Protein backbone atom coordinates (compact mmCIF):
# COMPACT_ATOMS: atom_id res chain seq x y z
CA MET A 1 126.67 17.52 95.13
CA ASN A 2 123.25 16.25 94.05
CA LYS A 3 122.24 16.87 90.46
CA HIS A 4 119.67 19.65 90.13
CA ILE A 5 116.63 18.79 88.03
CA PRO A 6 115.54 21.82 85.97
CA ARG A 7 112.06 23.04 86.92
CA ARG A 8 109.79 23.87 84.02
CA ARG A 9 107.69 26.31 86.08
CA PHE A 10 110.77 28.47 86.56
CA GLY A 11 111.75 28.25 82.88
CA GLN A 12 115.13 26.77 83.78
CA HIS A 13 117.59 26.16 80.93
CA PHE A 14 121.13 26.17 82.32
CA LEU A 15 123.95 27.58 80.22
CA THR A 16 126.78 25.05 79.93
CA ASP A 17 128.87 26.05 76.89
CA GLN A 18 132.13 27.45 78.26
CA ALA A 19 132.92 29.40 75.07
CA VAL A 20 129.54 31.16 75.22
CA ILE A 21 130.00 31.86 78.94
CA ALA A 22 133.39 33.44 78.25
CA GLU A 23 131.92 35.53 75.42
CA ILE A 24 129.15 36.84 77.69
CA VAL A 25 131.57 37.71 80.50
CA ALA A 26 133.82 39.49 77.98
CA ALA A 27 130.81 41.52 76.76
CA ILE A 28 129.93 42.46 80.35
CA ALA A 29 133.56 43.36 81.10
CA PRO A 30 133.14 43.34 84.90
CA ARG A 31 135.44 45.36 87.16
CA ALA A 32 136.12 44.63 90.80
CA GLU A 33 134.31 47.71 92.10
CA ASP A 34 131.13 47.27 90.00
CA VAL A 35 127.79 47.02 91.77
CA MET A 36 126.24 44.10 89.92
CA VAL A 37 123.15 41.93 90.29
CA GLU A 38 122.62 38.66 88.48
CA ILE A 39 119.05 37.56 87.83
CA GLY A 40 118.50 33.81 87.98
CA PRO A 41 122.05 32.57 88.67
CA GLY A 42 120.98 28.95 88.35
CA LEU A 43 123.93 26.59 88.66
CA GLY A 44 126.44 29.42 88.51
CA ALA A 45 127.58 29.50 84.88
CA LEU A 46 127.98 33.28 85.06
CA THR A 47 128.14 33.55 88.84
CA MET A 48 131.47 31.79 89.13
CA PRO A 49 133.46 33.85 86.60
CA LEU A 50 131.82 37.08 87.82
CA THR A 51 132.75 36.44 91.45
CA GLN A 52 136.33 35.80 90.37
CA VAL A 53 136.47 39.47 89.31
CA LEU A 54 133.93 41.31 91.48
CA ARG A 55 134.48 42.09 95.12
CA HIS A 56 130.76 41.45 95.72
CA LEU A 57 127.85 40.15 93.67
CA HIS A 58 124.09 40.33 94.32
CA VAL A 59 121.93 37.54 92.91
CA ILE A 60 118.15 37.14 92.74
CA GLU A 61 116.87 33.56 92.79
CA ILE A 62 113.46 31.97 93.39
CA ASP A 63 114.40 28.27 93.46
CA ARG A 64 114.99 27.23 97.10
CA ASP A 65 117.30 24.35 96.15
CA ILE A 66 119.52 26.66 94.11
CA ILE A 67 119.47 29.25 96.89
CA ALA A 68 120.77 26.60 99.30
CA ARG A 69 123.55 25.67 96.86
CA LEU A 70 124.60 29.28 96.40
CA GLN A 71 124.69 29.91 100.14
CA ARG A 72 126.76 26.78 100.62
CA ASP A 73 129.20 27.45 97.78
CA TYR A 74 129.85 31.19 98.22
CA PRO A 75 130.71 33.17 101.36
CA PRO A 76 128.15 35.88 102.22
CA GLY A 77 130.86 38.52 101.99
CA ARG A 78 131.24 37.78 98.28
CA LEU A 79 127.70 36.84 97.30
CA ARG A 80 124.40 38.12 98.65
CA VAL A 81 121.36 36.05 97.71
CA HIS A 82 118.02 37.85 97.41
CA ALA A 83 115.43 35.09 97.59
CA GLY A 84 112.14 35.60 95.78
CA ASP A 85 110.42 36.50 92.54
CA VAL A 86 112.40 39.05 90.53
CA LEU A 87 109.12 40.56 89.26
CA ASP A 88 108.47 41.69 92.83
CA PHE A 89 112.02 42.83 93.54
CA ASP A 90 112.59 46.50 94.37
CA PHE A 91 115.83 47.39 92.59
CA SER A 92 115.89 50.76 94.36
CA ASN A 93 117.08 48.84 97.44
CA LEU A 94 120.39 48.26 95.66
CA PRO A 95 123.02 50.98 95.16
CA PRO A 96 122.78 53.23 92.08
CA ASP A 97 124.95 52.84 88.98
CA LEU A 98 123.79 49.23 89.02
CA ARG A 99 124.85 46.68 86.42
CA VAL A 100 122.27 43.95 85.76
CA VAL A 101 123.06 40.62 84.06
CA GLY A 102 121.39 37.29 83.59
CA ASN A 103 120.20 34.36 81.52
CA LEU A 104 116.56 35.36 81.90
CA PRO A 105 113.73 32.84 82.17
CA TYR A 106 111.99 33.17 78.82
CA ASN A 107 108.53 32.79 80.35
CA ILE A 108 108.84 36.10 82.24
CA SER A 109 111.23 38.04 80.01
CA THR A 110 108.77 40.64 78.68
CA PRO A 111 107.18 41.63 82.03
CA LEU A 112 110.65 41.63 83.60
CA LEU A 113 112.00 44.05 80.99
CA PHE A 114 109.10 46.41 81.66
CA HIS A 115 109.71 46.06 85.41
CA LEU A 116 113.39 46.94 85.01
CA ALA A 117 112.52 49.97 82.84
CA ASN A 118 111.02 51.53 85.97
CA TYR A 119 114.51 51.61 87.51
CA ALA A 120 116.42 52.74 84.40
CA MET A 121 117.74 55.91 86.04
CA ARG A 122 119.52 53.81 88.70
CA ILE A 123 121.09 51.42 86.17
CA ARG A 124 124.34 51.74 84.20
CA ASP A 125 123.72 48.86 81.82
CA LEU A 126 122.04 45.48 81.40
CA HIS A 127 123.33 42.34 79.64
CA PHE A 128 120.77 39.59 79.11
CA MET A 129 120.43 36.25 77.40
CA LEU A 130 116.91 36.11 75.95
CA GLN A 131 114.93 34.27 73.35
CA LYS A 132 116.28 35.51 70.00
CA GLU A 133 112.77 36.41 68.85
CA VAL A 134 112.36 38.73 71.85
CA VAL A 135 115.70 40.44 71.16
CA GLU A 136 114.67 40.97 67.54
CA ARG A 137 111.47 42.65 68.74
CA MET A 138 113.41 44.81 71.21
CA VAL A 139 115.77 46.27 68.60
CA ALA A 140 113.37 46.29 65.63
CA SER A 141 113.02 49.37 63.44
CA PRO A 142 109.65 50.87 62.39
CA GLY A 143 107.96 49.27 59.42
CA GLY A 144 108.58 45.59 60.16
CA ARG A 145 106.50 42.87 61.77
CA ASP A 146 108.89 42.65 64.75
CA TYR A 147 108.31 46.30 65.67
CA GLY A 148 105.67 46.66 68.36
CA ARG A 149 104.85 47.79 71.88
CA LEU A 150 107.97 46.18 73.36
CA SER A 151 110.18 47.90 70.77
CA VAL A 152 108.72 51.37 71.37
CA MET A 153 108.63 51.31 75.16
CA LEU A 154 112.13 49.88 75.55
CA GLN A 155 113.67 52.05 72.83
CA TYR A 156 112.24 55.10 74.57
CA ARG A 157 114.13 54.16 77.75
CA PHE A 158 117.23 52.38 76.44
CA ASP A 159 119.81 52.27 73.68
CA MET A 160 120.00 48.60 72.76
CA GLU A 161 122.33 46.36 70.81
CA SER A 162 121.95 42.72 69.88
CA LEU A 163 125.41 41.24 70.48
CA PHE A 164 125.39 37.61 69.31
CA ALA A 165 123.17 34.56 68.89
CA VAL A 166 123.41 31.42 71.00
CA ALA A 167 122.36 27.97 69.77
CA PRO A 168 120.07 25.69 71.82
CA ALA A 169 122.95 23.21 72.27
CA ALA A 170 124.65 25.69 74.62
CA PHE A 171 122.04 24.88 77.31
CA SER A 172 120.94 21.94 79.40
CA PRO A 173 118.17 21.10 78.80
CA ALA A 174 118.26 22.60 75.31
CA PRO A 175 115.40 25.04 74.68
CA GLN A 176 113.36 24.71 71.49
CA VAL A 177 114.30 28.23 70.40
CA GLU A 178 117.46 30.16 69.58
CA SER A 179 118.76 32.67 72.08
CA ALA A 180 120.63 35.96 71.81
CA VAL A 181 122.59 38.25 74.10
CA VAL A 182 121.53 41.88 74.19
CA ARG A 183 123.02 44.99 75.81
CA LEU A 184 120.81 47.82 77.11
CA ARG A 185 122.05 51.21 78.27
CA PRO A 186 119.61 53.75 79.76
CA ARG A 187 119.18 56.86 77.64
CA PRO A 188 120.14 60.17 79.30
CA ARG A 189 117.34 61.86 81.21
CA ALA A 190 117.47 64.86 78.84
CA GLN A 191 116.39 62.59 75.97
CA LEU A 192 113.31 61.33 77.81
CA THR A 193 110.93 64.00 76.56
CA ALA A 194 107.56 62.39 77.26
CA ALA A 195 105.54 64.67 79.56
CA SER A 196 103.88 61.57 81.01
CA GLU A 197 105.26 58.07 80.60
CA ALA A 198 101.89 56.72 81.72
CA ARG A 199 100.22 58.55 78.81
CA LEU A 200 102.94 57.34 76.43
CA ALA A 201 102.32 53.76 77.56
CA GLN A 202 98.55 54.23 77.04
CA VAL A 203 99.01 55.52 73.49
CA VAL A 204 101.43 52.75 72.53
CA ARG A 205 99.23 50.04 74.08
CA SER A 206 96.15 51.31 72.24
CA ALA A 207 97.98 51.71 68.94
CA PHE A 208 99.30 48.13 68.92
CA ALA A 209 96.30 46.44 70.55
CA GLN A 210 95.06 45.42 67.10
CA ARG A 211 98.09 46.12 64.97
CA ARG A 212 96.38 45.64 61.60
CA LYS A 213 94.10 48.59 62.32
CA THR A 214 95.00 52.05 61.08
CA LEU A 215 95.76 54.75 63.61
CA ARG A 216 92.40 56.34 62.79
CA ASN A 217 90.67 53.25 64.15
CA ALA A 218 93.17 52.11 66.80
CA LEU A 219 93.30 55.55 68.44
CA ALA A 220 89.66 56.52 67.78
CA GLY A 221 89.07 57.16 71.47
CA LEU A 222 92.09 59.45 71.75
CA LEU A 223 92.55 61.40 68.49
CA GLN A 224 90.19 63.13 66.05
CA ALA A 225 90.86 64.16 62.45
CA VAL A 226 91.88 67.68 63.54
CA ASP A 227 94.44 66.20 65.92
CA TYR A 228 96.20 64.32 63.12
CA ASP A 229 96.43 67.57 61.17
CA ALA A 230 97.99 69.31 64.18
CA LEU A 231 100.46 66.44 64.64
CA ALA A 232 101.24 66.14 60.90
CA ILE A 233 100.66 62.37 61.17
CA VAL A 234 98.74 60.45 58.49
CA PRO A 235 95.77 58.68 60.17
CA GLY A 236 95.79 55.94 57.53
CA LEU A 237 99.14 54.65 58.78
CA ARG A 238 99.46 51.71 61.15
CA ALA A 239 101.24 51.81 64.50
CA GLU A 240 104.20 49.90 63.09
CA ASN A 241 104.90 52.83 60.72
CA LEU A 242 105.52 55.35 63.53
CA ALA A 243 108.90 56.07 65.12
CA VAL A 244 109.33 56.29 68.88
CA ALA A 245 109.44 60.09 68.56
CA ASP A 246 106.00 60.05 66.90
CA PHE A 247 104.47 58.21 69.85
CA VAL A 248 106.09 60.71 72.23
CA ALA A 249 104.66 63.58 70.15
CA ILE A 250 101.16 62.07 70.31
CA SER A 251 101.32 61.51 74.06
CA ASN A 252 102.64 65.04 74.70
CA TYR A 253 99.93 66.50 72.45
CA LEU A 254 97.24 64.69 74.45
CA GLU A 255 98.75 65.83 77.75
CA LYS A 256 98.76 69.45 76.57
CA LYS A 257 95.22 69.13 75.20
CA ASP A 258 93.95 67.79 78.54
CA LYS A 259 95.60 70.62 80.47
CA LEU A 260 94.05 73.24 78.20
CA ALA A 261 90.63 71.61 78.57
CA ALA A 262 90.95 71.63 82.35
CA ARG A 263 91.48 75.40 82.52
């Protein structure tokens, strides 16, 4: 088999440490009947141990050389390859109760997480290897510099847990950053209380667009002084000081205000 040369444009860093691979598979805890999709299988570090347990595995891969390897090495009855860009992939074409895993390309990790959030109600859980800095932002609590738009929007949709860190030496080629494995589980529908997720996203985006600004300035186009009184939120705070529930309250308040104005 010819040696595959990692392609920088695809953000390829292949996991090679067998102890780390075993730890990830143990965290996933696959069962034969699971409906699972692996994003970016690469040279098969996770693919091989997963297919030893699962009856069938879906994989999404963009690199044509790797696709050819996968199709050569695995029978179609055990492995289905979905060729293309995962950012364009429609996960609703896969069965529900989906389990999603992968060593994600760091250059597309944030847009991919937002893309997957759109399918949260069809997903059981997600286990990802990501840049450690991104995982820290995902699970960050209010009040710190890591807490931002990514934290709020993902914490609204998912319960998340940072599982363990992975050193650069576990990959080939070694990335210049540390990595971490994170678990995401969709929150129950009853806990998703935003009247409009589009409005929630607008409020969060505006609040963190210039994070050093106070809410009074960052949300000047959305809220007036009287609105802060009604919400019992101090306008001199910054976005990083608000909990996810506060952003939901603001977005629901604006939705209700717009409906009243339209009458």
